[in-house]
Amino acid sequence: MTRNGRPSFVILNPDDLESLEATIEILSDDELMDSLRKSRSEAADGQLTPLGDLL
């Protein structure tokens, strides 16, 4: 069924829906996204901490 030439509904696997909802939650969290951007930038600049130092 379509509405205005576009699909009017979508069928998703429950696991895919859960994954999409988790992605939306992460992308909606400004503090978390800032932290992720900072981490990626630091890694790109070679500012890495060995895993053993974190444990």
N, C-alpha and C. Protein backbone atom coordinates (compact mmCIF):
# COMPACT_ATOMS: atom_id res chain seq x y z
N MET A 1 0.85 -1.18 0.00
CA MET A 1 0.00 0.00 0.00
C MET A 1 0.89 1.25 0.00
N THR A 2 0.51 2.23 -0.77
CA THR A 2 1.27 3.48 -0.83
C THR A 2 0.35 4.66 -0.51
N ARG A 3 1.00 5.73 -0.12
CA ARG A 3 0.29 6.98 0.13
C ARG A 3 1.13 8.07 -0.55
N ASN A 4 0.54 8.78 -1.46
CA ASN A 4 1.25 9.81 -2.23
C ASN A 4 2.48 9.22 -2.94
N GLY A 5 2.33 7.98 -3.42
CA GLY A 5 3.42 7.35 -4.17
C GLY A 5 4.55 6.80 -3.32
N ARG A 6 4.41 6.84 -2.00
CA ARG A 6 5.46 6.34 -1.09
C ARG A 6 4.87 5.24 -0.23
N PRO A 7 5.71 4.30 0.21
CA PRO A 7 5.20 3.24 1.08
C PRO A 7 4.55 3.84 2.34
N SER A 8 3.44 3.26 2.77
CA SER A 8 2.74 3.80 3.93
C SER A 8 3.04 3.03 5.21
N PHE A 9 3.81 1.96 5.11
CA PHE A 9 4.24 1.24 6.30
C PHE A 9 5.50 0.46 5.99
N VAL A 10 6.19 0.04 7.04
CA VAL A 10 7.44 -0.71 6.92
C VAL A 10 7.38 -1.88 7.88
N ILE A 11 7.85 -3.02 7.44
CA ILE A 11 7.95 -4.19 8.31
C ILE A 11 9.42 -4.37 8.64
N LEU A 12 9.73 -4.41 9.95
CA LEU A 12 11.12 -4.57 10.41
C LEU A 12 11.23 -5.78 11.33
N ASN A 13 12.36 -6.43 11.25
CA ASN A 13 12.71 -7.45 12.21
C ASN A 13 12.85 -6.77 13.57
N PRO A 14 12.36 -7.35 14.66
CA PRO A 14 12.46 -6.72 15.99
C PRO A 14 13.90 -6.36 16.38
N ASP A 15 14.87 -7.19 15.99
CA ASP A 15 16.26 -6.88 16.30
C ASP A 15 16.73 -5.63 15.55
N ASP A 16 16.30 -5.48 14.30
CA ASP A 16 16.66 -4.29 13.53
C ASP A 16 16.02 -3.05 14.14
N LEU A 17 14.78 -3.17 14.58
CA LEU A 17 14.10 -2.04 15.22
C LEU A 17 14.83 -1.64 16.49
N GLU A 18 15.23 -2.62 17.30
CA GLU A 18 15.96 -2.33 18.53
C GLU A 18 17.28 -1.63 18.23
N SER A 19 17.96 -2.07 17.19
CA SER A 19 19.22 -1.45 16.80
C SER A 19 19.00 -0.01 16.34
N LEU A 20 17.96 0.23 15.55
CA LEU A 20 17.66 1.59 15.11
C LEU A 20 17.31 2.50 16.29
N GLU A 21 16.54 1.98 17.24
CA GLU A 21 16.18 2.77 18.41
C GLU A 21 17.41 3.11 19.25
N ALA A 22 18.34 2.16 19.39
CA ALA A 22 19.57 2.42 20.14
C ALA A 22 20.42 3.48 19.43
N THR A 23 20.48 3.40 18.11
CA THR A 23 21.24 4.39 17.33
C THR A 23 20.64 5.78 17.51
N ILE A 24 19.33 5.88 17.45
CA ILE A 24 18.67 7.17 17.64
C ILE A 24 18.96 7.72 19.03
N GLU A 25 18.93 6.85 20.03
CA GLU A 25 19.21 7.29 21.40
C GLU A 25 20.62 7.83 21.52
N ILE A 26 21.59 7.15 20.92
CA ILE A 26 22.99 7.60 20.97
C ILE A 26 23.13 8.93 20.23
N LEU A 27 22.57 9.02 19.04
CA LEU A 27 22.69 10.25 18.24
C LEU A 27 21.98 11.43 18.89
N SER A 28 21.02 11.17 19.75
CA SER A 28 20.27 12.23 20.43
C SER A 28 20.95 12.72 21.70
N ASP A 29 21.99 12.02 22.13
CA ASP A 29 22.69 12.36 23.36
C ASP A 29 23.89 13.25 23.02
N ASP A 30 23.72 14.57 23.16
CA ASP A 30 24.77 15.52 22.77
C ASP A 30 26.07 15.29 23.53
N GLU A 31 25.99 15.00 24.81
CA GLU A 31 27.20 14.78 25.62
C GLU A 31 27.95 13.54 25.13
N LEU A 32 27.24 12.48 24.86
CA LEU A 32 27.87 11.25 24.37
C LEU A 32 28.49 11.48 23.00
N MET A 33 27.77 12.17 22.12
CA MET A 33 28.31 12.43 20.78
C MET A 33 29.57 13.30 20.85
N ASP A 34 29.59 14.30 21.73
CA ASP A 34 30.79 15.11 21.91
C ASP A 34 31.96 14.26 22.37
N SER A 35 31.69 13.34 23.30
CA SER A 35 32.73 12.44 23.80
C SER A 35 33.26 11.53 22.70
N LEU A 36 32.37 11.00 21.88
CA LEU A 36 32.78 10.14 20.78
C LEU A 36 33.62 10.91 19.76
N ARG A 37 33.20 12.13 19.44
CA ARG A 37 33.97 12.95 18.49
C ARG A 37 35.37 13.24 19.05
N LYS A 38 35.45 13.57 20.34
CA LYS A 38 36.74 13.85 20.97
C LYS A 38 37.62 12.61 20.94
N SER A 39 37.06 11.46 21.25
CA SER A 39 37.83 10.21 21.25
C SER A 39 38.36 9.89 19.86
N ARG A 40 37.53 10.06 18.85
CA ARG A 40 37.96 9.79 17.48
C ARG A 40 39.07 10.74 17.06
N SER A 41 38.95 12.00 17.44
CA SER A 41 39.97 12.99 17.10
C SER A 41 41.29 12.67 17.79
N GLU A 42 41.22 12.31 19.07
CA GLU A 42 42.44 11.95 19.81
C GLU A 42 43.10 10.72 19.21
N ALA A 43 42.31 9.73 18.83
CA ALA A 43 42.86 8.51 18.22
C ALA A 43 43.52 8.84 16.89
N ALA A 44 42.89 9.71 16.11
CA ALA A 44 43.45 10.09 14.82
C ALA A 44 44.77 10.85 14.99
N ASP A 45 44.90 11.56 16.12
CA ASP A 45 46.13 12.30 16.41
C ASP A 45 47.18 11.43 17.08
N GLY A 46 46.87 10.14 17.28
CA GLY A 46 47.84 9.22 17.90
C GLY A 46 47.84 9.24 19.41
N GLN A 47 46.87 9.89 20.01
CA GLN A 47 46.78 9.97 21.47
C GLN A 47 46.03 8.73 21.98
N LEU A 48 46.75 7.62 22.03
CA LEU A 48 46.15 6.34 22.40
C LEU A 48 46.63 5.90 23.77
N THR A 49 45.78 5.20 24.50
CA THR A 49 46.12 4.63 25.80
C THR A 49 46.04 3.12 25.67
N PRO A 50 47.11 2.40 25.97
CA PRO A 50 47.06 0.93 25.89
C PRO A 50 45.96 0.39 26.80
N LEU A 51 45.27 -0.64 26.33
CA LEU A 51 44.18 -1.23 27.07
C LEU A 51 44.63 -1.68 28.47
N GLY A 52 45.81 -2.22 28.57
CA GLY A 52 46.33 -2.68 29.86
C GLY A 52 46.43 -1.56 30.88
N ASP A 53 46.65 -0.33 30.43
CA ASP A 53 46.73 0.81 31.34
C ASP A 53 45.35 1.20 31.89
N LEU A 54 44.31 0.79 31.20
CA LEU A 54 42.95 1.14 31.63
C LEU A 54 42.39 0.11 32.59
N LEU A 55 42.95 -1.08 32.63
CA LEU A 55 42.41 -2.15 33.48
C LEU A 55 43.05 -2.21 34.82
